Amino acid sequence: MTVLRQRLGESGEDLACRELGARGYAILARRYRTRYGEIDIVARDGDSVVFVEVKLKTTGEFGAAAES
């Protein structure tokens, strides 16, 4: 992964964390790693633990974000 792609991914995660926080979620972890892989964001919403995979789109070329 290039440095540029890594920075874009981090900025997407920053945006997602801000949005989740604004909606009342508590961010528990970012880029949580295990030997099986990585989860971008782990958050809490009341009694629920939420696992979030962030996908950043830089253009609308391949459809809207909800379509990805």
C-alpha atoms as a PDB file:
ATOM      1  CA  MET A   1       0.000   0.000   0.000  1.00  0.00           C
ATOM      2  CA  THR A   2       1.363   3.391  -0.928  1.00  0.00           C
ATOM      3  CA  VAL A   3       1.730   6.194   1.584  1.00  0.00           C
ATOM      4  CA  LEU A   4      -0.924   8.204  -0.277  1.00  0.00           C
ATOM      5  CA  ARG A   5      -3.470   5.372  -0.095  1.00  0.00           C
ATOM      6  CA  GLN A   6      -2.676   4.877   3.582  1.00  0.00           C
ATOM      7  CA  ARG A   7      -3.246   8.580   4.301  1.00  0.00           C
ATOM      8  CA  LEU A   8      -6.502   8.555   2.336  1.00  0.00           C
ATOM      9  CA  GLY A   9      -7.655   5.561   4.356  1.00  0.00           C
ATOM     10  CA  GLU A  10      -6.773   7.292   7.607  1.00  0.00           C
ATOM     11  CA  SER A  11      -8.659  10.432   6.560  1.00  0.00           C
ATOM     12  CA  GLY A  12     -11.708   8.295   5.746  1.00  0.00           C
ATOM     13  CA  GLU A  13     -11.482   6.710   9.187  1.00  0.00           C
ATOM     14  CA  ASP A  14     -11.176  10.181  10.762  1.00  0.00           C
ATOM     15  CA  LEU A  15     -14.356  11.276   8.982  1.00  0.00           C
ATOM     16  CA  ALA A  16     -16.167   8.107  10.018  1.00  0.00           C
ATOM     17  CA  CYS A  17     -15.107   8.539  13.661  1.00  0.00           C
ATOM     18  CA  ARG A  18     -16.336  12.134  13.696  1.00  0.00           C
ATOM     19  CA  GLU A  19     -19.683  11.102  12.216  1.00  0.00           C
ATOM     20  CA  LEU A  20     -20.074   8.196  14.620  1.00  0.00           C
ATOM     21  CA  GLY A  21     -19.188  10.453  17.557  1.00  0.00           C
ATOM     22  CA  ALA A  22     -21.729  13.044  16.404  1.00  0.00           C
ATOM     23  CA  ARG A  23     -24.346  10.276  16.379  1.00  0.00           C
ATOM     24  CA  GLY A  24     -23.523   9.301  19.955  1.00  0.00           C
ATOM     25  CA  TYR A  25     -21.233   6.320  19.395  1.00  0.00           C
ATOM     26  CA  ALA A  26     -18.230   5.883  21.687  1.00  0.00           C
ATOM     27  CA  ILE A  27     -15.084   4.961  19.742  1.00  0.00           C
ATOM     28  CA  LEU A  28     -13.378   2.061  21.516  1.00  0.00           C
ATOM     29  CA  ALA A  29     -10.564   1.317  19.047  1.00  0.00           C
ATOM     30  CA  ARG A  30      -9.209   2.228  15.636  1.00  0.00           C
ATOM     31  CA  ARG A  31      -7.341  -0.135  13.343  1.00  0.00           C
ATOM     32  CA  TYR A  32      -7.826  -3.039  15.742  1.00  0.00           C
ATOM     33  CA  ARG A  33      -5.519  -5.832  14.587  1.00  0.00           C
ATOM     34  CA  THR A  34      -5.525  -9.539  15.221  1.00  0.00           C
ATOM     35  CA  ARG A  35      -3.684 -12.327  13.467  1.00  0.00           C
ATOM     36  CA  TYR A  36      -6.814 -12.765  11.338  1.00  0.00           C
ATOM     37  CA  GLY A  37      -7.025  -9.200  10.043  1.00  0.00           C
ATOM     38  CA  GLU A  38      -7.951  -5.649  10.930  1.00  0.00           C
ATOM     39  CA  ILE A  39     -11.161  -3.854  11.883  1.00  0.00           C
ATOM     40  CA  ASP A  40     -11.118  -0.151  11.037  1.00  0.00           C
ATOM     41  CA  ILE A  41     -13.269   1.078  13.930  1.00  0.00           C
ATOM     42  CA  VAL A  42     -14.742  -0.587  17.007  1.00  0.00           C
ATOM     43  CA  ALA A  43     -17.457   1.520  18.636  1.00  0.00           C
ATOM     44  CA  ARG A  44     -20.164   1.246  21.273  1.00  0.00           C
ATOM     45  CA  ASP A  45     -23.759   2.290  20.764  1.00  0.00           C
ATOM     46  CA  GLY A  46     -25.553   1.806  24.064  1.00  0.00           C
ATOM     47  CA  ASP A  47     -25.255  -1.889  24.895  1.00  0.00           C
ATOM     48  CA  SER A  48     -24.093  -2.836  21.389  1.00  0.00           C
ATOM     49  CA  VAL A  49     -20.529  -3.137  20.144  1.00  0.00           C
ATOM     50  CA  VAL A  50     -20.285  -2.099  16.490  1.00  0.00           C
ATOM     51  CA  PHE A  51     -17.539  -3.104  14.043  1.00  0.00           C
ATOM     52  CA  VAL A  52     -17.049  -0.651  11.172  1.00  0.00           C
ATOM     53  CA  GLU A  53     -15.244  -1.209   7.868  1.00  0.00           C
ATOM     54  CA  VAL A  54     -14.508   2.146   6.220  1.00  0.00           C
ATOM     55  CA  LYS A  55     -14.382   2.531   2.442  1.00  0.00           C
ATOM     56  CA  LEU A  56     -13.341   5.932   1.108  1.00  0.00           C
ATOM     57  CA  LYS A  57     -14.421   6.888  -2.383  1.00  0.00           C
ATOM     58  CA  THR A  58     -12.579   9.745  -4.040  1.00  0.00           C
ATOM     59  CA  THR A  59     -14.851   9.946  -7.102  1.00  0.00           C
ATOM     60  CA  GLY A  60     -18.397   9.031  -8.034  1.00  0.00           C
ATOM     61  CA  GLU A  61     -17.145   7.175 -11.097  1.00  0.00           C
ATOM     62  CA  PHE A  62     -18.366   3.762  -9.962  1.00  0.00           C
ATOM     63  CA  GLY A  63     -21.619   4.798  -8.310  1.00  0.00           C
ATOM     64  CA  ALA A  64     -22.676   6.215  -4.981  1.00  0.00           C
ATOM     65  CA  ALA A  65     -21.106   5.193  -1.674  1.00  0.00           C
ATOM     66  CA  ALA A  66     -24.211   3.224  -0.677  1.00  0.00           C
ATOM     67  CA  GLU A  67     -23.770   1.091  -3.796  1.00  0.00           C
ATOM     68  CA  SER A  68     -20.263  -0.072  -2.894  1.00  0.00           C
END
